[in-house]
Structure formats: C-alpha cells, structure tokens
C-alpha cells in the first residue's frame, strides 16, 4: 500500500503564495486607511498657527474630493493602458478585470454627497430637509455638481455595457466640470485657470490610473515579454505627462501665490503648507519613477522594475489624497 500526500515543494509554494496574498491585502488596507487619514485630519494640522479658519466639514469635503479624483484616475488610466496594449504586436489576449465599474460607483457616491453639500449652501447637511435638489439648477456650482453626478452615472453604465470605451466622454465632462468649479467666475482670468486645471487633472489621471493598470496587466502577463514592453511604452508617455503636470502645477500656483510671496506663504498658510507637502510627494514619486525606468532599461531582468513602480503607485495615492485636501483649504491670497 502506498500513501498519497502532496509534495513538500508544492505545499511550500502554496503557503508562500497565501502569505504574499495576505501581505498584499494588509498593505492595501493600510494604504487606504492612510489615504483617508490625510484629508480627514489634514485641515487642523495645515491650519495650525496660521490664523486662518477652514470651512465647516473641511475634512469630509477633502475626503470626498479625494475619492472623486481617484474615481477619475482608475477608468481613465484603464482606457489609456488598453490603448497602449493594442499597439504591442503579439501581446497576450488576457486582460485584468476592470475596476472601472467600482470606481465609477465610488465617484457617483462622492459626487452625490458633494452635490448635497452644495444644495445646503456649501454646508454639511444634517438631515434630508436641508437638501434642496431643485436649488442646484439655480447656481453655477449646483449645475456643475449635477453634471459630475450625471457624468459618473453615465460612465458607470458605459463601463458595464458592451462598449466600455464610451465612458471616456462622460468622464471628460466630469473633468471639465471639476476644472470650471475650481475657478469661479469672480476669479481674474477664470478660463485660464480652468484650462490649467483641466490639463493637470487629465495628466494626473492618466499617470496615476495608467500606472496602476499597467502593473495589473504586467502581473496578468507574468512571464511574457510583452509585459516589460508595455511598461516601457507607458514610461515614455509618463515622462511627457510629468512634464505637463509640473508646468501646469507651477503656473496654477503662481496665479494664486505671486513669485514675491511664494516662500513666505509655503510655510505660513495652510494652502502653502499643503502645496509644499504635495511638491515633496511628487518629487518622491519622480524618484521612484526614475528608479523603475533605470531598472527597466538596464537590469538583466526588466521585471525588477515592478517593485519601485508599485512604490510609485502608493506615493501617487498619497498625492491624490493631498490634492483632495488642497481643494478644501482656504486660498491664501487674492488671485493676480
């Protein structure tokens, strides 16, 4: 009689896989928690000692804006990388499961909550009676909030349909609405500011969401040479996106903080402190990106670029959270 038992090697491999999966899940939960902590508890820290006052519910608004920005990044990044993948000859047919439906649902929830705030006079509503849905049609901010709600709703329906690529159009409407919302008509040169914000949002969404989906695709294509080629193709486009992000970010900052006052306001205002934190995070992201690109081009195994690229995604998540916080803080000075 012979006994049948699994080979030791197979058992160890299964255990290692389970351990890796558990560690990855814990890491994701920690990152999500940190991304929520930044906008929720960021306003008091940024405002401490500045003499400025935040609007009521600034932490919640910052969290909702962060969720909305992340919800834009995921589907736009997926569409971007899918387009890049189609340019690779001989690429595997398999694709990771789309996260666009879930992202659009999260974006819809955040947009609905933000619309409720606008309908209550930009205050946190404490009951259904304080929400005036009809009043949204009577103000510019209300109409833009409704546009964002409808945009995410349509994008979610497109993502679940037979032609998910169509979601790019309602998502583009959301980006335009967010760019217009960030620059009210009372601002000097609002169209210029909206154009800068539009380019900034598009580039940030493609960079962040694109890298996330590229890494998911790389994992799905594990062992195939098309994976590193896809990451390399993305890296070349990402360099252009980083340049555009930097240029539009600098121009937008100088519109609100003239050159003569930048150094002082970066340390004495909540907006300036948060902007400085974002700049530092973007520098860290750029460092991880450079590290990944060097490994991709020079290492004997291009897949060693996977680790710094994952760190880059995590740092980009922190940038998105800080960006949400930045929108909820008072502007330091008049526009110029």
Foldseek 3Di string as FASTA:
>chain_A
DDDDDDDPVVVVVVVVVVVVVVVVVVVVVVLVVVLLCCLQVVPVVLAPQQPDDFDPPLSVQLNLQLLLLLLLQALLLQLLLVVLLVPDPPDDPDADDGPNLVSLVSNLVSLVQCLQCVQLVVHRDPDPVSGDLVCLVVDLLSVLSVLSNVLSVVLNVLCPDPHNVVSVVSSLSNLLSVLQVLFDPPADPSVVSSVLSSLLSSLLSNLQNNLVRLLRRLVVRPPDPVSLVSVLVSLVVNVVSLVSNVVSLVVNVCQLAPPVCLVVCLPNHSLNVLVVVLVVLVVVLVVLSVVLNCCCVPPPDNCVSSVSSVVSSSSSSSSSSSVSSSSRGDRDDGGD
